[in-house]
C-alpha atoms as a PDB file:
ATOM      1  CA  MET A   1     -53.043  14.826 -64.507  1.00  0.00           C
ATOM      2  CA  ILE A   2     -52.068  13.910 -61.015  1.00  0.00           C
ATOM      3  CA  GLU A   3     -50.780  16.494 -58.801  1.00  0.00           C
ATOM      4  CA  ALA A   4     -48.465  15.685 -55.867  1.00  0.00           C
ATOM      5  CA  TYR A   5     -47.370  18.046 -53.113  1.00  0.00           C
ATOM      6  CA  ILE A   6     -44.226  17.691 -51.251  1.00  0.00           C
ATOM      7  CA  ASP A   7     -43.183  18.958 -47.800  1.00  0.00           C
ATOM      8  CA  GLU A   8     -40.822  17.812 -44.953  1.00  0.00           C
ATOM      9  CA  SER A   9     -40.004  17.688 -41.291  1.00  0.00           C
ATOM     10  CA  GLY A  10     -36.960  16.895 -39.114  1.00  0.00           C
ATOM     11  CA  THR A  11     -34.446  18.821 -41.434  1.00  0.00           C
ATOM     12  CA  HIS A  12     -33.209  20.906 -38.329  1.00  0.00           C
ATOM     13  CA  HIS A  13     -29.805  20.027 -36.967  1.00  0.00           C
ATOM     14  CA  GLY A  14     -30.045  17.464 -34.182  1.00  0.00           C
ATOM     15  CA  ALA A  15     -33.356  15.913 -35.421  1.00  0.00           C
ATOM     16  CA  PRO A  16     -33.217  12.162 -35.108  1.00  0.00           C
ATOM     17  CA  LEU A  17     -35.648  11.385 -37.972  1.00  0.00           C
ATOM     18  CA  LEU A  18     -35.998  13.115 -41.357  1.00  0.00           C
ATOM     19  CA  ALA A  19     -39.469  12.838 -43.069  1.00  0.00           C
ATOM     20  CA  VAL A  20     -40.651  13.907 -46.349  1.00  0.00           C
ATOM     21  CA  ALA A  21     -44.265  13.393 -47.370  1.00  0.00           C
ATOM     22  CA  ALA A  22     -46.586  13.684 -50.299  1.00  0.00           C
ATOM     23  CA  TYR A  23     -50.168  13.675 -51.110  1.00  0.00           C
ATOM     24  CA  PHE A  24     -51.491  13.104 -54.371  1.00  0.00           C
ATOM     25  CA  ALA A  25     -54.923  13.247 -56.390  1.00  0.00           C
ATOM     26  CA  PRO A  26     -56.357  14.217 -59.505  1.00  0.00           C
ATOM     27  CA  HIS A  27     -56.704  18.117 -60.221  1.00  0.00           C
ATOM     28  CA  GLY A  28     -60.404  18.072 -59.503  1.00  0.00           C
ATOM     29  CA  THR A  29     -60.127  16.191 -56.036  1.00  0.00           C
ATOM     30  CA  TRP A  30     -57.613  19.190 -55.118  1.00  0.00           C
ATOM     31  CA  GLU A  31     -60.235  21.744 -56.122  1.00  0.00           C
ATOM     32  CA  ARG A  32     -62.596  19.988 -53.820  1.00  0.00           C
ATOM     33  CA  PHE A  33     -59.965  19.757 -50.873  1.00  0.00           C
ATOM     34  CA  ASN A  34     -59.274  23.523 -51.506  1.00  0.00           C
ATOM     35  CA  ARG A  35     -63.024  24.628 -51.146  1.00  0.00           C
ATOM     36  CA  ASP A  36     -63.536  22.348 -47.916  1.00  0.00           C
ATOM     37  CA  TRP A  37     -60.214  23.263 -46.205  1.00  0.00           C
ATOM     38  CA  ASP A  38     -60.644  26.990 -46.837  1.00  0.00           C
ATOM     39  CA  ALA A  39     -64.061  26.923 -45.104  1.00  0.00           C
ATOM     40  CA  ILE A  40     -62.498  25.363 -42.105  1.00  0.00           C
ATOM     41  CA  LEU A  41     -59.647  27.734 -42.061  1.00  0.00           C
ATOM     42  CA  LYS A  42     -61.954  30.602 -42.147  1.00  0.00           C
ATOM     43  CA  GLN A  43     -64.298  29.171 -39.540  1.00  0.00           C
ATOM     44  CA  HIS A  44     -61.237  29.066 -37.068  1.00  0.00           C
ATOM     45  CA  ASN A  45     -59.953  32.547 -38.150  1.00  0.00           C
ATOM     46  CA  ILE A  46     -56.753  30.897 -39.324  1.00  0.00           C
ATOM     47  CA  SER A  47     -55.266  31.852 -42.506  1.00  0.00           C
ATOM     48  CA  CYS A  48     -52.745  28.845 -43.207  1.00  0.00           C
ATOM     49  CA  PHE A  49     -52.136  25.567 -41.254  1.00  0.00           C
ATOM     50  CA  HIS A  50     -48.487  25.021 -39.980  1.00  0.00           C
ATOM     51  CA  ALA A  51     -48.146  21.757 -38.038  1.00  0.00           C
ATOM     52  CA  THR A  52     -45.423  23.223 -35.845  1.00  0.00           C
ATOM     53  CA  GLU A  53     -47.495  26.065 -34.678  1.00  0.00           C
ATOM     54  CA  SER A  54     -49.763  25.183 -31.409  1.00  0.00           C
ATOM     55  CA  GLU A  55     -52.557  27.307 -32.606  1.00  0.00           C
ATOM     56  CA  CYS A  56     -53.090  25.106 -35.549  1.00  0.00           C
ATOM     57  CA  ASP A  57     -53.735  22.027 -33.013  1.00  0.00           C
ATOM     58  CA  VAL A  58     -57.288  22.396 -33.063  1.00  0.00           C
ATOM     59  CA  LEU A  59     -57.312  22.102 -36.693  1.00  0.00           C
ATOM     60  CA  ARG A  60     -55.702  18.564 -36.716  1.00  0.00           C
ATOM     61  CA  PRO A  61     -59.017  16.614 -36.617  1.00  0.00           C
ATOM     62  CA  SER A  62     -60.480  18.824 -39.365  1.00  0.00           C
ATOM     63  CA  LEU A  63     -57.622  18.234 -41.471  1.00  0.00           C
ATOM     64  CA  ALA A  64     -57.547  14.276 -41.172  1.00  0.00           C
ATOM     65  CA  LYS A  65     -61.209  14.263 -41.880  1.00  0.00           C
ATOM     66  CA  VAL A  66     -60.854  16.443 -45.010  1.00  0.00           C
ATOM     67  CA  ILE A  67     -58.102  14.019 -46.110  1.00  0.00           C
ATOM     68  CA  GLU A  68     -60.285  10.900 -45.574  1.00  0.00           C
ATOM     69  CA  ASP A  69     -63.556  12.659 -47.206  1.00  0.00           C
ATOM     70  CA  CYS A  70     -61.496  13.690 -50.373  1.00  0.00           C
ATOM     71  CA  LYS A  71     -59.713  10.207 -50.609  1.00  0.00           C
ATOM     72  CA  LEU A  72     -56.350  11.817 -50.887  1.00  0.00           C
ATOM     73  CA  ARG A  73     -53.461   9.415 -51.064  1.00  0.00           C
ATOM     74  CA  GLY A  74     -50.200   9.944 -48.965  1.00  0.00           C
ATOM     75  CA  VAL A  75     -46.500   8.622 -49.066  1.00  0.00           C
ATOM     76  CA  ILE A  76     -44.089   9.238 -46.431  1.00  0.00           C
ATOM     77  CA  ALA A  77     -40.240   8.513 -46.611  1.00  0.00           C
ATOM     78  CA  THR A  78     -38.547   8.440 -43.376  1.00  0.00           C
ATOM     79  CA  VAL A  79     -34.755   7.982 -42.533  1.00  0.00           C
ATOM     80  CA  PRO A  80     -33.015   8.075 -38.995  1.00  0.00           C
ATOM     81  CA  ARG A  81     -30.012  10.264 -39.564  1.00  0.00           C
ATOM     82  CA  PRO A  82     -27.466   7.705 -37.935  1.00  0.00           C
ATOM     83  CA  VAL A  83     -28.560   5.123 -40.364  1.00  0.00           C
ATOM     84  CA  TYR A  84     -28.169   7.417 -43.493  1.00  0.00           C
ATOM     85  CA  ASP A  85     -24.658   8.671 -42.240  1.00  0.00           C
ATOM     86  CA  GLN A  86     -23.508   4.905 -41.852  1.00  0.00           C
ATOM     87  CA  TYR A  87     -24.881   3.137 -44.598  1.00  0.00           C
ATOM     88  CA  ALA A  88     -25.255   5.612 -47.334  1.00  0.00           C
ATOM     89  CA  SER A  89     -22.350   5.140 -50.033  1.00  0.00           C
ATOM     90  CA  ALA A  90     -20.320   7.744 -51.616  1.00  0.00           C
ATOM     91  CA  GLN A  91     -22.247   6.815 -54.776  1.00  0.00           C
ATOM     92  CA  VAL A  92     -25.684   7.529 -53.008  1.00  0.00           C
ATOM     93  CA  LYS A  93     -24.245  10.745 -51.553  1.00  0.00           C
ATOM     94  CA  GLY A  94     -22.873  11.900 -54.780  1.00  0.00           C
ATOM     95  CA  SER A  95     -26.110  11.146 -57.021  1.00  0.00           C
ATOM     96  CA  LEU A  96     -28.958  11.694 -54.639  1.00  0.00           C
ATOM     97  CA  GLY A  97     -27.134  14.130 -52.344  1.00  0.00           C
ATOM     98  CA  ASP A  98     -27.689  14.479 -48.628  1.00  0.00           C
ATOM     99  CA  ALA A  99     -30.409  12.563 -46.425  1.00  0.00           C
ATOM    100  CA  TYR A 100     -33.055  15.152 -47.298  1.00  0.00           C
ATOM    101  CA  ARG A 101     -32.897  14.834 -51.164  1.00  0.00           C
ATOM    102  CA  THR A 102     -32.548  10.989 -50.641  1.00  0.00           C
ATOM    103  CA  CYS A 103     -36.001  11.068 -48.709  1.00  0.00           C
ATOM    104  CA  VAL A 104     -37.229  13.215 -51.612  1.00  0.00           C
ATOM    105  CA  SER A 105     -36.170  10.933 -54.255  1.00  0.00           C
ATOM    106  CA  GLN A 106     -37.632   7.707 -52.408  1.00  0.00           C
ATOM    107  CA  CYS A 107     -40.998   9.715 -51.884  1.00  0.00           C
ATOM    108  CA  VAL A 108     -41.122  10.646 -55.611  1.00  0.00           C
ATOM    109  CA  ILE A 109     -40.507   7.270 -57.005  1.00  0.00           C
ATOM    110  CA  LYS A 110     -43.091   5.482 -54.406  1.00  0.00           C
ATOM    111  CA  THR A 111     -45.678   7.999 -55.537  1.00  0.00           C
ATOM    112  CA  CYS A 112     -44.916   7.378 -59.205  1.00  0.00           C
ATOM    113  CA  ARG A 113     -45.520   3.601 -58.466  1.00  0.00           C
ATOM    114  CA  LEU A 114     -48.736   4.338 -56.938  1.00  0.00           C
ATOM    115  CA  VAL A 115     -49.964   6.650 -59.381  1.00  0.00           C
ATOM    116  CA  LYS A 116     -49.417   4.054 -61.877  1.00  0.00           C
ATOM    117  CA  GLU A 117     -51.369   1.549 -59.964  1.00  0.00           C
ATOM    118  CA  HIS A 118     -54.336   3.644 -59.317  1.00  0.00           C
ATOM    119  CA  TYR A 119     -54.278   5.928 -62.355  1.00  0.00           C
ATOM    120  CA  PRO A 120     -52.542   3.774 -64.754  1.00  0.00           C
ATOM    121  CA  ASP A 121     -52.945   6.373 -67.807  1.00  0.00           C
ATOM    122  CA  LYS A 122     -51.806   9.727 -65.767  1.00  0.00           C
ATOM    123  CA  SER A 123     -48.553  11.565 -65.393  1.00  0.00           C
ATOM    124  CA  VAL A 124     -47.609  13.303 -62.155  1.00  0.00           C
ATOM    125  CA  SER A 125     -46.856  17.053 -61.702  1.00  0.00           C
ATOM    126  CA  PHE A 126     -44.894  17.453 -58.552  1.00  0.00           C
ATOM    127  CA  PHE A 127     -44.946  20.543 -56.575  1.00  0.00           C
ATOM    128  CA  ILE A 128     -42.348  21.720 -53.572  1.00  0.00           C
ATOM    129  CA  GLU A 129     -42.473  24.608 -51.295  1.00  0.00           C
ATOM    130  CA  ASP A 130     -40.814  27.746 -52.482  1.00  0.00           C
ATOM    131  CA  GLY A 131     -38.105  29.247 -50.276  1.00  0.00           C
ATOM    132  CA  GLN A 132     -36.790  25.963 -48.801  1.00  0.00           C
ATOM    133  CA  PRO A 133     -33.063  25.841 -48.547  1.00  0.00           C
ATOM    134  CA  ASN A 134     -31.397  24.370 -51.552  1.00  0.00           C
ATOM    135  CA  THR A 135     -34.561  24.956 -53.506  1.00  0.00           C
ATOM    136  CA  GLU A 136     -32.812  25.214 -56.759  1.00  0.00           C
ATOM    137  CA  SER A 137     -30.500  22.121 -56.321  1.00  0.00           C
ATOM    138  CA  LEU A 138     -33.453  20.013 -55.514  1.00  0.00           C
ATOM    139  CA  LEU A 139     -35.403  21.023 -58.453  1.00  0.00           C
ATOM    140  CA  SER A 140     -32.238  20.112 -60.522  1.00  0.00           C
ATOM    141  CA  ASN A 141     -31.963  16.793 -59.024  1.00  0.00           C
ATOM    142  CA  LEU A 142     -36.044  16.119 -59.413  1.00  0.00           C
ATOM    143  CA  ARG A 143     -35.724  17.215 -63.012  1.00  0.00           C
ATOM    144  CA  LEU A 144     -32.969  14.665 -63.800  1.00  0.00           C
ATOM    145  CA  LEU A 145     -34.895  11.998 -61.950  1.00  0.00           C
ATOM    146  CA  MET A 146     -37.823  12.883 -64.106  1.00  0.00           C
ATOM    147  CA  GLU A 147     -35.785  12.403 -67.088  1.00  0.00           C
ATOM    148  CA  ASP A 148     -34.428   9.132 -66.086  1.00  0.00           C
ATOM    149  CA  HIS A 149     -37.469   7.835 -64.422  1.00  0.00           C
ATOM    150  CA  ALA A 150     -39.233   6.856 -67.867  1.00  0.00           C
ATOM    151  CA  LEU A 151     -37.054   3.861 -67.627  1.00  0.00           C
ATOM    152  CA  ASP A 152     -39.268   2.160 -64.902  1.00  0.00           C
ATOM    153  CA  SER A 153     -42.225   0.786 -66.443  1.00  0.00           C
ATOM    154  CA  ASP A 154     -43.652   0.322 -62.974  1.00  0.00           C
ATOM    155  CA  CYS A 155     -43.872   3.929 -62.535  1.00  0.00           C
ATOM    156  CA  ALA A 156     -46.197   6.863 -63.985  1.00  0.00           C
ATOM    157  CA  PRO A 157     -44.161   9.292 -65.847  1.00  0.00           C
ATOM    158  CA  ILE A 158     -43.316  12.757 -64.251  1.00  0.00           C
ATOM    159  CA  ALA A 159     -44.839  15.347 -66.193  1.00  0.00           C
ATOM    160  CA  SER A 160     -43.096  18.382 -64.230  1.00  0.00           C
ATOM    161  CA  VAL A 161     -41.554  19.576 -61.022  1.00  0.00           C
ATOM    162  CA  ASP A 162     -42.408  23.159 -59.851  1.00  0.00           C
ATOM    163  CA  LEU A 163     -42.593  25.349 -56.871  1.00  0.00           C
ATOM    164  CA  ALA A 164     -45.792  26.222 -54.760  1.00  0.00           C
ATOM    165  CA  LYS A 165     -46.089  28.993 -52.399  1.00  0.00           C
ATOM    166  CA  LYS A 166     -45.884  28.484 -48.669  1.00  0.00           C
ATOM    167  CA  ASP A 167     -49.520  28.994 -48.217  1.00  0.00           C
ATOM    168  CA  CYS A 168     -50.768  26.500 -50.910  1.00  0.00           C
ATOM    169  CA  ALA A 169     -53.394  24.483 -49.277  1.00  0.00           C
ATOM    170  CA  PRO A 170     -52.291  21.120 -50.774  1.00  0.00           C
ATOM    171  CA  LEU A 171     -48.872  21.582 -49.176  1.00  0.00           C
ATOM    172  CA  GLN A 172     -50.400  21.526 -45.672  1.00  0.00           C
ATOM    173  CA  THR A 173     -51.630  18.007 -46.238  1.00  0.00           C
ATOM    174  CA  ALA A 174     -47.898  17.019 -46.670  1.00  0.00           C
ATOM    175  CA  ASP A 175     -46.695  19.275 -43.769  1.00  0.00           C
ATOM    176  CA  PHE A 176     -49.093  17.711 -41.548  1.00  0.00           C
ATOM    177  CA  LEU A 177     -48.048  13.805 -42.396  1.00  0.00           C
ATOM    178  CA  SER A 178     -44.318  14.712 -42.401  1.00  0.00           C
ATOM    179  CA  HIS A 179     -44.613  16.377 -39.145  1.00  0.00           C
ATOM    180  CA  LEU A 180     -46.553  13.435 -37.514  1.00  0.00           C
ATOM    181  CA  CYS A 181     -43.817  10.967 -38.435  1.00  0.00           C
ATOM    182  CA  SER A 182     -40.750  13.309 -37.420  1.00  0.00           C
ATOM    183  CA  THR A 183     -42.467  13.938 -33.927  1.00  0.00           C
ATOM    184  CA  SER A 184     -43.705  10.416 -33.459  1.00  0.00           C
ATOM    185  CA  ASP A 185     -47.299  11.512 -33.222  1.00  0.00           C
ATOM    186  CA  LEU A 186     -48.693   7.750 -33.921  1.00  0.00           C
ATOM    187  CA  ALA A 187     -52.158   8.909 -32.735  1.00  0.00           C
ATOM    188  CA  TRP A 188     -53.047  10.807 -36.053  1.00  0.00           C
ATOM    189  CA  PHE A 189     -50.692   8.908 -37.867  1.00  0.00           C
ATOM    190  CA  ASN A 190     -52.552   5.775 -37.181  1.00  0.00           C
ATOM    191  CA  TYR A 191     -55.806   7.367 -37.722  1.00  0.00           C
ATOM    192  CA  LEU A 192     -54.730   8.063 -41.369  1.00  0.00           C
ATOM    193  CA  ALA A 193     -52.836   4.737 -41.892  1.00  0.00           C
ATOM    194  CA  ARG A 194     -56.061   2.526 -40.588  1.00  0.00           C
ATOM    195  CA  ARG A 195     -58.166   4.335 -43.588  1.00  0.00           C
ATOM    196  CA  GLY A 196     -55.492   3.727 -46.087  1.00  0.00           C
ATOM    197  CA  ARG A 197     -54.422   7.184 -46.672  1.00  0.00           C
ATOM    198  CA  ILE A 198     -50.929   6.544 -45.978  1.00  0.00           C
ATOM    199  CA  TYR A 199     -48.295   4.411 -47.869  1.00  0.00           C
ATOM    200  CA  VAL A 200     -44.809   4.106 -46.104  1.00  0.00           C
ATOM    201  CA  ALA A 201     -41.467   4.412 -47.794  1.00  0.00           C
ATOM    202  CA  ALA A 202     -39.049   3.819 -45.142  1.00  0.00           C
ATOM    203  CA  ILE A 203     -35.158   4.008 -45.794  1.00  0.00           C
ATOM    204  CA  ASN A 204     -33.284   1.709 -44.079  1.00  0.00           C
ATOM    205  CA  GLU A 205     -29.767  -0.198 -44.410  1.00  0.00           C
ATOM    206  CA  GLY A 206     -30.900  -2.393 -47.187  1.00  0.00           C
ATOM    207  CA  VAL A 207     -32.688   0.225 -48.943  1.00  0.00           C
ATOM    208  CA  LEU A 208     -29.415   2.331 -48.866  1.00  0.00           C
ATOM    209  CA  LYS A 209     -27.384  -0.392 -50.087  1.00  0.00           C
ATOM    210  CA  ASN A 210     -29.554  -1.474 -52.965  1.00  0.00           C
ATOM    211  CA  ALA A 211     -29.528   2.405 -53.936  1.00  0.00           C
ATOM    212  CA  SER A 212     -25.935   1.798 -54.472  1.00  0.00           C
ATOM    213  CA  THR A 213     -26.395  -0.829 -57.367  1.00  0.00           C
ATOM    214  CA  GLY A 214     -29.439   1.123 -58.640  1.00  0.00           C
ATOM    215  CA  ILE A 215     -27.233   4.279 -59.195  1.00  0.00           C
ATOM    216  CA  LYS A 216     -24.645   2.312 -60.727  1.00  0.00           C
ATOM    217  CA  TRP A 217     -27.256   1.208 -63.269  1.00  0.00           C
ATOM    218  CA  MET A 218     -28.560   4.504 -63.743  1.00  0.00           C
ATOM    219  CA  LEU A 219     -25.116   6.303 -64.249  1.00  0.00           C
ATOM    220  CA  ALA A 220     -24.279   3.576 -66.882  1.00  0.00           C
ATOM    221  CA  GLN A 221     -27.558   4.391 -68.597  1.00  0.00           C
ATOM    222  CA  GLN A 222     -26.787   8.049 -68.674  1.00  0.00           C
ATOM    223  CA  LYS A 223     -23.401   7.212 -70.017  1.00  0.00           C
ATOM    224  CA  ASN A 224     -24.905   5.413 -72.864  1.00  0.00           C
ATOM    225  CA  LYS A 225     -27.503   7.816 -73.793  1.00  0.00           C
ATOM    226  CA  ARG A 226     -24.384  10.386 -74.042  1.00  0.00           C
ATOM    227  CA  GLN A 227     -22.445   8.033 -76.024  1.00  0.00           C
ATOM    228  CA  LEU A 228     -25.441   7.317 -78.372  1.00  0.00           C
ATOM    229  CA  ALA A 229     -26.223  11.234 -78.726  1.00  0.00           C
ATOM    230  CA  LYS A 230     -22.404  11.944 -79.515  1.00  0.00           C
ATOM    231  CA  GLN A 231     -22.431   9.034 -82.390  1.00  0.00           C
ATOM    232  CA  GLN A 232     -25.616  10.370 -83.815  1.00  0.00           C
ATOM    233  CA  ASN A 233     -24.116  13.854 -84.038  1.00  0.00           C
ATOM    234  CA  ILE A 234     -21.122  12.538 -85.536  1.00  0.00           C
ATOM    235  CA  SER A 235     -23.166  10.683 -88.268  1.00  0.00           C
ATOM    236  CA  ARG A 236     -25.384  13.841 -88.874  1.00  0.00           C
ATOM    237  CA  ALA A 237     -22.088  15.873 -89.363  1.00  0.00           C
ATOM    238  CA  GLU A 238     -20.637  13.484 -91.843  1.00  0.00           C
END
């Protein structure tokens, strides 16, 4: 099983760029990460890394090094809010929701494709931070994506979508990456990118236009499934 942890940055009002990040790895790799990272936190007498807190700036070199040493793979999905507002169709907004949910979906799909590439026989369990705004709505969207995603043979199947506590260590990797992008901290972003630790899934005008076509297809598939299930129920009743 591959575990992927998702966090975001730039969701506040007025933020020009929204970023959703995920880091993924096998369970055993995360166990190693947890041990190494916990030792560093204790060394600095800090209980949890939060990218927005200045006292955690001292931890950035160590976190980047642990990410590199453990060979974690990260995915970042970004979208400038003006681009989303201008080019996201009513179908995109109606099916995927706001810019945040659209970024999450893009991040999840990209992660599943990378898992299929690097771990062909594995499925993915996704974890999002508990206590986020609209958590239940987001979980619902992701679980729908989990059901429909099996149609894409280029992607690893999604095994589950669950919540993780705010102080969960693997979430801190995604917090770091999403914050780097939303604040344009290119020094650390480039450090990780040069070492092959980041895959970008940027959302632009073309992606949003293509998403409209994809959603039409997905909705048609859902309709066909419902009709088939209805026909099967009628046949069983007869």
